[in-house]
Every structure is written in structure tokens, then in C-alpha cells.
Amino acid sequence: MTGLLRCPETRQPLEPAPRDLVGRLLALREAGSLRTRSGLVPEPFEDALVTLDGARTYPIRDGIPVLLADESF
């Protein structure tokens, strides 16, 4: 999957987020402290993609990457 999908804002390639990062993000979401770029607590997700520089993370829900800028965190 690496290189096929790109960040809609920066056009950087996306890669699967490391398991430890996904775990931290899920814990933050459960605590209510993770926010999307639009300022909302994200809907449930099971995995994520991250830009190469680590600045943007996009959720994967039901096996489908959500590549919307407002949904990133």
C-alpha cells in the first residue's frame, strides 16, 4: 500500500501507521482527547495511515482509508 495512497493536502505518500502509534491514538480517542483537524473527536477506527513526515494521520474504518483533510488528526 505504501506509495499508492497520498495525503490529499501535502501529496506525501502514506504508509501504515506503526502499531504503537495506533494504540496511542485509540487510547486518546477513548479518553476523549484526540481531535480531528476540524476539532471533533473522531469516529471509531481500527487502523491508520500516516504521512512520511508523521505530521498527518488518516483513520481506516472498516478497512477503508478515510482520506479527508477534516477527518485527519
PDB file of N, CA and C in Angstrom:
ATOM      1  N   MET A   1       0.830  -1.194   0.000  1.00  0.00           N
ATOM      2  CA  MET A   1       0.000   0.000   0.000  1.00  0.00           C
ATOM      3  C   MET A   1       0.873   1.256   0.000  1.00  0.00           C
ATOM      4  N   THR A   2       2.062   1.185   0.561  1.00  0.00           N
ATOM      5  CA  THR A   2       2.925   2.359   0.646  1.00  0.00           C
ATOM      6  C   THR A   2       3.173   2.941  -0.737  1.00  0.00           C
ATOM      7  N   GLY A   3       2.985   4.246  -0.872  1.00  0.00           N
ATOM      8  CA  GLY A   3       3.249   4.929  -2.110  1.00  0.00           C
ATOM      9  C   GLY A   3       2.050   5.043  -3.033  1.00  0.00           C
ATOM     10  N   LEU A   4       1.090   4.163  -2.915  1.00  0.00           N
ATOM     11  CA  LEU A   4      -0.089   4.225  -3.776  1.00  0.00           C
ATOM     12  C   LEU A   4      -1.061   5.300  -3.313  1.00  0.00           C
ATOM     13  N   LEU A   5      -1.213   5.428  -2.016  1.00  0.00           N
ATOM     14  CA  LEU A   5      -2.116   6.429  -1.456  1.00  0.00           C
ATOM     15  C   LEU A   5      -1.305   7.651  -1.040  1.00  0.00           C
ATOM     16  N   ARG A   6      -1.902   8.820  -1.242  1.00  0.00           N
ATOM     17  CA  ARG A   6      -1.217  10.067  -0.923  1.00  0.00           C
ATOM     18  C   ARG A   6      -2.086  10.955  -0.053  1.00  0.00           C
ATOM     19  N   CYS A   7      -1.432  11.767   0.752  1.00  0.00           N
ATOM     20  CA  CYS A   7      -2.128  12.745   1.573  1.00  0.00           C
ATOM     21  C   CYS A   7      -2.806  13.750   0.644  1.00  0.00           C
ATOM     22  N   PRO A   8      -4.100  14.023   0.850  1.00  0.00           N
ATOM     23  CA  PRO A   8      -4.778  14.966  -0.032  1.00  0.00           C
ATOM     24  C   PRO A   8      -4.300  16.409   0.131  1.00  0.00           C
ATOM     25  N   GLU A   9      -3.613  16.712   1.222  1.00  0.00           N
ATOM     26  CA  GLU A   9      -3.126  18.076   1.442  1.00  0.00           C
ATOM     27  C   GLU A   9      -1.689  18.258   0.970  1.00  0.00           C
ATOM     28  N   THR A  10      -0.797  17.368   1.396  1.00  0.00           N
ATOM     29  CA  THR A  10       0.630  17.548   1.106  1.00  0.00           C
ATOM     30  C   THR A  10       1.117  16.728  -0.077  1.00  0.00           C
ATOM     31  N   ARG A  11       0.306  15.763  -0.510  1.00  0.00           N
ATOM     32  CA  ARG A  11       0.649  14.825  -1.593  1.00  0.00           C
ATOM     33  C   ARG A  11       1.771  13.860  -1.203  1.00  0.00           C
ATOM     34  N   GLN A  12       2.151  13.822   0.062  1.00  0.00           N
ATOM     35  CA  GLN A  12       3.148  12.860   0.525  1.00  0.00           C
ATOM     36  C   GLN A  12       2.565  11.449   0.456  1.00  0.00           C
ATOM     37  N   PRO A  13       3.413  10.459   0.193  1.00  0.00           N
ATOM     38  CA  PRO A  13       2.935   9.079   0.266  1.00  0.00           C
ATOM     39  C   PRO A  13       2.486   8.754   1.692  1.00  0.00           C
ATOM     40  N   LEU A  14       1.510   7.875   1.798  1.00  0.00           N
ATOM     41  CA  LEU A  14       1.035   7.405   3.093  1.00  0.00           C
ATOM     42  C   LEU A  14       1.517   5.984   3.314  1.00  0.00           C
ATOM     43  N   GLU A  15       1.801   5.675   4.570  1.00  0.00           N
ATOM     44  CA  GLU A  15       2.211   4.316   4.920  1.00  0.00           C
ATOM     45  C   GLU A  15       1.406   3.879   6.137  1.00  0.00           C
ATOM     46  N   PRO A  16       1.309   2.574   6.353  1.00  0.00           N
ATOM     47  CA  PRO A  16       0.585   2.101   7.540  1.00  0.00           C
ATOM     48  C   PRO A  16       1.217   2.673   8.802  1.00  0.00           C
ATOM     49  N   ALA A  17       0.379   3.135   9.707  1.00  0.00           N
ATOM     50  CA  ALA A  17       0.873   3.672  10.979  1.00  0.00           C
ATOM     51  C   ALA A  17       1.419   2.526  11.823  1.00  0.00           C
ATOM     52  N   PRO A  18       2.520   2.747  12.542  1.00  0.00           N
ATOM     53  CA  PRO A  18       3.052   1.711  13.436  1.00  0.00           C
ATOM     54  C   PRO A  18       2.017   1.327  14.498  1.00  0.00           C
ATOM     55  N   ARG A  19       2.031   0.087  14.900  1.00  0.00           N
ATOM     56  CA  ARG A  19       1.064  -0.441  15.877  1.00  0.00           C
ATOM     57  C   ARG A  19       1.057   0.384  17.161  1.00  0.00           C
ATOM     58  N   ASP A  20       2.238   0.805  17.636  1.00  0.00           N
ATOM     59  CA  ASP A  20       2.276   1.578  18.880  1.00  0.00           C
ATOM     60  C   ASP A  20       1.594   2.938  18.714  1.00  0.00           C
ATOM     61  N   LEU A  21       1.730   3.561  17.557  1.00  0.00           N
ATOM     62  CA  LEU A  21       1.061   4.832  17.298  1.00  0.00           C
ATOM     63  C   LEU A  21      -0.452   4.635  17.270  1.00  0.00           C
ATOM     64  N   VAL A  22      -0.913   3.597  16.585  1.00  0.00           N
ATOM     65  CA  VAL A  22      -2.356   3.323  16.533  1.00  0.00           C
ATOM     66  C   VAL A  22      -2.893   3.088  17.944  1.00  0.00           C
ATOM     67  N   GLY A  23      -2.160   2.348  18.752  1.00  0.00           N
ATOM     68  CA  GLY A  23      -2.577   2.105  20.135  1.00  0.00           C
ATOM     69  C   GLY A  23      -2.699   3.388  20.935  1.00  0.00           C
ATOM     70  N   ARG A  24      -1.726   4.287  20.779  1.00  0.00           N
ATOM     71  CA  ARG A  24      -1.779   5.572  21.493  1.00  0.00           C
ATOM     72  C   ARG A  24      -2.959   6.417  21.013  1.00  0.00           C
ATOM     73  N   LEU A  25      -3.185   6.434  19.697  1.00  0.00           N
ATOM     74  CA  LEU A  25      -4.297   7.203  19.153  1.00  0.00           C
ATOM     75  C   LEU A  25      -5.644   6.664  19.637  1.00  0.00           C
ATOM     76  N   LEU A  26      -5.774   5.342  19.662  1.00  0.00           N
ATOM     77  CA  LEU A  26      -7.025   4.739  20.137  1.00  0.00           C
ATOM     78  C   LEU A  26      -7.260   5.065  21.612  1.00  0.00           C
ATOM     79  N   ALA A  27      -6.200   5.041  22.413  1.00  0.00           N
ATOM     80  CA  ALA A  27      -6.330   5.378  23.834  1.00  0.00           C
ATOM     81  C   ALA A  27      -6.744   6.845  24.002  1.00  0.00           C
ATOM     82  N   LEU A  28      -6.155   7.729  23.220  1.00  0.00           N
ATOM     83  CA  LEU A  28      -6.526   9.144  23.281  1.00  0.00           C
ATOM     84  C   LEU A  28      -7.983   9.345  22.858  1.00  0.00           C
ATOM     85  N   ARG A  29      -8.407   8.609  21.833  1.00  0.00           N
ATOM     86  CA  ARG A  29      -9.804   8.719  21.391  1.00  0.00           C
ATOM     87  C   ARG A  29     -10.742   8.270  22.493  1.00  0.00           C
ATOM     88  N   GLU A  30     -10.439   7.146  23.127  1.00  0.00           N
ATOM     89  CA  GLU A  30     -11.278   6.628  24.213  1.00  0.00           C
ATOM     90  C   GLU A  30     -11.358   7.618  25.374  1.00  0.00           C
ATOM     91  N   ALA A  31     -10.268   8.330  25.618  1.00  0.00           N
ATOM     92  CA  ALA A  31     -10.236   9.318  26.697  1.00  0.00           C
ATOM     93  C   ALA A  31     -10.926  10.630  26.288  1.00  0.00           C
ATOM     94  N   GLY A  32     -11.260  10.748  24.996  1.00  0.00           N
ATOM     95  CA  GLY A  32     -11.915  11.958  24.512  1.00  0.00           C
ATOM     96  C   GLY A  32     -10.976  13.103  24.218  1.00  0.00           C
ATOM     97  N   SER A  33      -9.675  12.824  24.168  1.00  0.00           N
ATOM     98  CA  SER A  33      -8.726  13.917  23.958  1.00  0.00           C
ATOM     99  C   SER A  33      -8.120  13.956  22.551  1.00  0.00           C
ATOM    100  N   LEU A  34      -8.441  12.992  21.705  1.00  0.00           N
ATOM    101  CA  LEU A  34      -7.986  13.035  20.316  1.00  0.00           C
ATOM    102  C   LEU A  34      -8.991  13.855  19.513  1.00  0.00           C
ATOM    103  N   ARG A  35      -8.495  14.760  18.698  1.00  0.00           N
ATOM    104  CA  ARG A  35      -9.354  15.616  17.886  1.00  0.00           C
ATOM    105  C   ARG A  35      -8.926  15.546  16.418  1.00  0.00           C
ATOM    106  N   THR A  36      -9.916  15.609  15.541  1.00  0.00           N
ATOM    107  CA  THR A  36      -9.618  15.702  14.117  1.00  0.00           C
ATOM    108  C   THR A  36      -9.187  17.131  13.817  1.00  0.00           C
ATOM    109  N   ARG A  37      -8.734  17.364  12.617  1.00  0.00           N
ATOM    110  CA  ARG A  37      -8.338  18.722  12.231  1.00  0.00           C
ATOM    111  C   ARG A  37      -9.513  19.682  12.272  1.00  0.00           C
ATOM    112  N   SER A  38     -10.736  19.155  12.178  1.00  0.00           N
ATOM    113  CA  SER A  38     -11.917  20.019  12.275  1.00  0.00           C
ATOM    114  C   SER A  38     -12.358  20.212  13.723  1.00  0.00           C
ATOM    115  N   GLY A  39     -11.634  19.600  14.678  1.00  0.00           N
ATOM    116  CA  GLY A  39     -11.898  19.825  16.092  1.00  0.00           C
ATOM    117  C   GLY A  39     -12.834  18.843  16.773  1.00  0.00           C
ATOM    118  N   LEU A  40     -13.239  17.786  16.077  1.00  0.00           N
ATOM    119  CA  LEU A  40     -14.156  16.803  16.649  1.00  0.00           C
ATOM    120  C   LEU A  40     -13.421  15.560  17.133  1.00  0.00           C
ATOM    121  N   VAL A  41     -14.016  14.862  18.092  1.00  0.00           N
ATOM    122  CA  VAL A  41     -13.490  13.549  18.477  1.00  0.00           C
ATOM    123  C   VAL A  41     -13.783  12.618  17.305  1.00  0.00           C
ATOM    124  N   PRO A  42     -12.773  11.922  16.785  1.00  0.00           N
ATOM    125  CA  PRO A  42     -13.004  11.087  15.606  1.00  0.00           C
ATOM    126  C   PRO A  42     -13.936   9.914  15.884  1.00  0.00           C
ATOM    127  N   GLU A  43     -14.636   9.493  14.849  1.00  0.00           N
ATOM    128  CA  GLU A  43     -15.453   8.293  14.930  1.00  0.00           C
ATOM    129  C   GLU A  43     -14.515   7.107  15.145  1.00  0.00           C
ATOM    130  N   PRO A  44     -15.052   5.972  15.624  1.00  0.00           N
ATOM    131  CA  PRO A  44     -14.201   4.798  15.842  1.00  0.00           C
ATOM    132  C   PRO A  44     -13.432   4.400  14.572  1.00  0.00           C
ATOM    133  N   PHE A  45     -12.216   3.940  14.771  1.00  0.00           N
ATOM    134  CA  PHE A  45     -11.379   3.462  13.672  1.00  0.00           C
ATOM    135  C   PHE A  45     -10.548   2.305  14.205  1.00  0.00           C
ATOM    136  N   GLU A  46     -10.078   1.459  13.291  1.00  0.00           N
ATOM    137  CA  GLU A  46      -9.298   0.311  13.736  1.00  0.00           C
ATOM    138  C   GLU A  46      -7.831   0.372  13.331  1.00  0.00           C
ATOM    139  N   ASP A  47      -7.492   1.258  12.424  1.00  0.00           N
ATOM    140  CA  ASP A  47      -6.114   1.369  11.961  1.00  0.00           C
ATOM    141  C   ASP A  47      -5.928   2.768  11.394  1.00  0.00           C
ATOM    142  N   ALA A  48      -4.727   3.049  10.891  1.00  0.00           N
ATOM    143  CA  ALA A  48      -4.473   4.391  10.379  1.00  0.00           C
ATOM    144  C   ALA A  48      -3.332   4.377   9.369  1.00  0.00           C
ATOM    145  N   LEU A  49      -3.305   5.420   8.560  1.00  0.00           N
ATOM    146  CA  LEU A  49      -2.203   5.687   7.643  1.00  0.00           C
ATOM    147  C   LEU A  49      -1.571   6.998   8.086  1.00  0.00           C
ATOM    148  N   VAL A  50      -0.268   7.114   7.890  1.00  0.00           N
ATOM    149  CA  VAL A  50       0.451   8.307   8.328  1.00  0.00           C
ATOM    150  C   VAL A  50       1.340   8.806   7.190  1.00  0.00           C
ATOM    151  N   THR A  51       1.502  10.135   7.108  1.00  0.00           N
ATOM    152  CA  THR A  51       2.410  10.704   6.113  1.00  0.00           C
ATOM    153  C   THR A  51       3.844  10.353   6.494  1.00  0.00           C
ATOM    154  N   LEU A  52       4.728  10.422   5.519  1.00  0.00           N
ATOM    155  CA  LEU A  52       6.127  10.066   5.774  1.00  0.00           C
ATOM    156  C   LEU A  52       6.769  10.931   6.844  1.00  0.00           C
ATOM    157  N   ASP A  53       6.352  12.204   6.941  1.00  0.00           N
ATOM    158  CA  ASP A  53       6.920  13.072   7.968  1.00  0.00           C
ATOM    159  C   ASP A  53       6.196  12.941   9.311  1.00  0.00           C
ATOM    160  N   GLY A  54       5.123  12.150   9.357  1.00  0.00           N
ATOM    161  CA  GLY A  54       4.398  11.918  10.601  1.00  0.00           C
ATOM    162  C   GLY A  54       3.474  13.057  11.025  1.00  0.00           C
ATOM    163  N   ALA A  55       3.304  14.065  10.178  1.00  0.00           N
ATOM    164  CA  ALA A  55       2.516  15.236  10.556  1.00  0.00           C
ATOM    165  C   ALA A  55       1.011  15.024  10.440  1.00  0.00           C
ATOM    166  N   ARG A  56       0.586  14.105   9.586  1.00  0.00           N
ATOM    167  CA  ARG A  56      -0.847  13.871   9.388  1.00  0.00           C
ATOM    168  C   ARG A  56      -1.137  12.381   9.443  1.00  0.00           C
ATOM    169  N   THR A  57      -2.233  12.061  10.112  1.00  0.00           N
ATOM    170  CA  THR A  57      -2.660  10.673  10.247  1.00  0.00           C
ATOM    171  C   THR A  57      -4.108  10.583   9.794  1.00  0.00           C
ATOM    172  N   TYR A  58      -4.394   9.554   8.998  1.00  0.00           N
ATOM    173  CA  TYR A  58      -5.731   9.342   8.460  1.00  0.00           C
ATOM    174  C   TYR A  58      -6.270   8.011   8.976  1.00  0.00           C
ATOM    175  N   PRO A  59      -7.503   8.007   9.466  1.00  0.00           N
ATOM    176  CA  PRO A  59      -8.064   6.768  10.005  1.00  0.00           C
ATOM    177  C   PRO A  59      -8.443   5.774   8.915  1.00  0.00           C
ATOM    178  N   ILE A  60      -8.486   4.517   9.310  1.00  0.00           N
ATOM    179  CA  ILE A  60      -9.025   3.451   8.467  1.00  0.00           C
ATOM    180  C   ILE A  60     -10.221   2.893   9.210  1.00  0.00           C
ATOM    181  N   ARG A  61     -11.381   2.949   8.553  1.00  0.00           N
ATOM    182  CA  ARG A  61     -12.625   2.447   9.145  1.00  0.00           C
ATOM    183  C   ARG A  61     -13.178   1.332   8.272  1.00  0.00           C
ATOM    184  N   ASP A  62     -13.446   0.204   8.889  1.00  0.00           N
ATOM    185  CA  ASP A  62     -13.980  -0.946   8.150  1.00  0.00           C
ATOM    186  C   ASP A  62     -13.101  -1.293   6.954  1.00  0.00           C
ATOM    187  N   GLY A  63     -11.797  -1.141   7.114  1.00  0.00           N
ATOM    188  CA  GLY A  63     -10.845  -1.480   6.060  1.00  0.00           C
ATOM    189  C   GLY A  63     -10.706  -0.438   4.968  1.00  0.00           C
ATOM    190  N   ILE A  64     -11.373   0.703   5.114  1.00  0.00           N
ATOM    191  CA  ILE A  64     -11.352   1.745   4.084  1.00  0.00           C
ATOM    192  C   ILE A  64     -10.648   2.995   4.612  1.00  0.00           C
ATOM    193  N   PRO A  65      -9.556   3.431   3.964  1.00  0.00           N
ATOM    194  CA  PRO A  65      -8.893   4.661   4.388  1.00  0.00           C
ATOM    195  C   PRO A  65      -9.810   5.873   4.165  1.00  0.00           C
ATOM    196  N   VAL A  66      -9.870   6.736   5.168  1.00  0.00           N
ATOM    197  CA  VAL A  66     -10.673   7.952   5.075  1.00  0.00           C
ATOM    198  C   VAL A  66      -9.698   9.099   4.794  1.00  0.00           C
ATOM    199  N   LEU A  67      -9.579   9.461   3.528  1.00  0.00           N
ATOM    200  CA  LEU A  67      -8.590  10.454   3.112  1.00  0.00           C
ATOM    201  C   LEU A  67      -9.232  11.833   2.935  1.00  0.00           C
ATOM    202  N   LEU A  68      -9.883  12.286   3.973  1.00  0.00           N
ATOM    203  CA  LEU A  68     -10.479  13.622   4.003  1.00  0.00           C
ATOM    204  C   LEU A  68      -9.688  14.463   5.001  1.00  0.00           C
ATOM    205  N   ALA A  69      -9.285  15.648   4.589  1.00  0.00           N
ATOM    206  CA  ALA A  69      -8.447  16.503   5.441  1.00  0.00           C
ATOM    207  C   ALA A  69      -9.098  16.762   6.794  1.00  0.00           C
ATOM    208  N   ASP A  70     -10.397  17.003   6.831  1.00  0.00           N
ATOM    209  CA  ASP A  70     -11.079  17.281   8.101  1.00  0.00           C
ATOM    210  C   ASP A  70     -11.134  16.082   9.028  1.00  0.00           C
ATOM    211  N   GLU A  71     -10.960  14.877   8.501  1.00  0.00           N
ATOM    212  CA  GLU A  71     -11.002  13.662   9.307  1.00  0.00           C
ATOM    213  C   GLU A  71      -9.618  13.267   9.833  1.00  0.00           C
ATOM    214  N   SER A  72      -8.585  13.928   9.357  1.00  0.00           N
ATOM    215  CA  SER A  72      -7.223  13.572   9.797  1.00  0.00           C
ATOM    216  C   SER A  72      -6.951  14.133  11.192  1.00  0.00           C
ATOM    217  N   PHE A  73      -5.922  13.604  11.821  1.00  0.00           N
ATOM    218  CA  PHE A  73      -5.515  14.079  13.134  1.00  0.00           C
ATOM    219  C   PHE A  73      -4.019  13.994  13.258  1.00  0.00           C
TER     220      PHE A  73
END
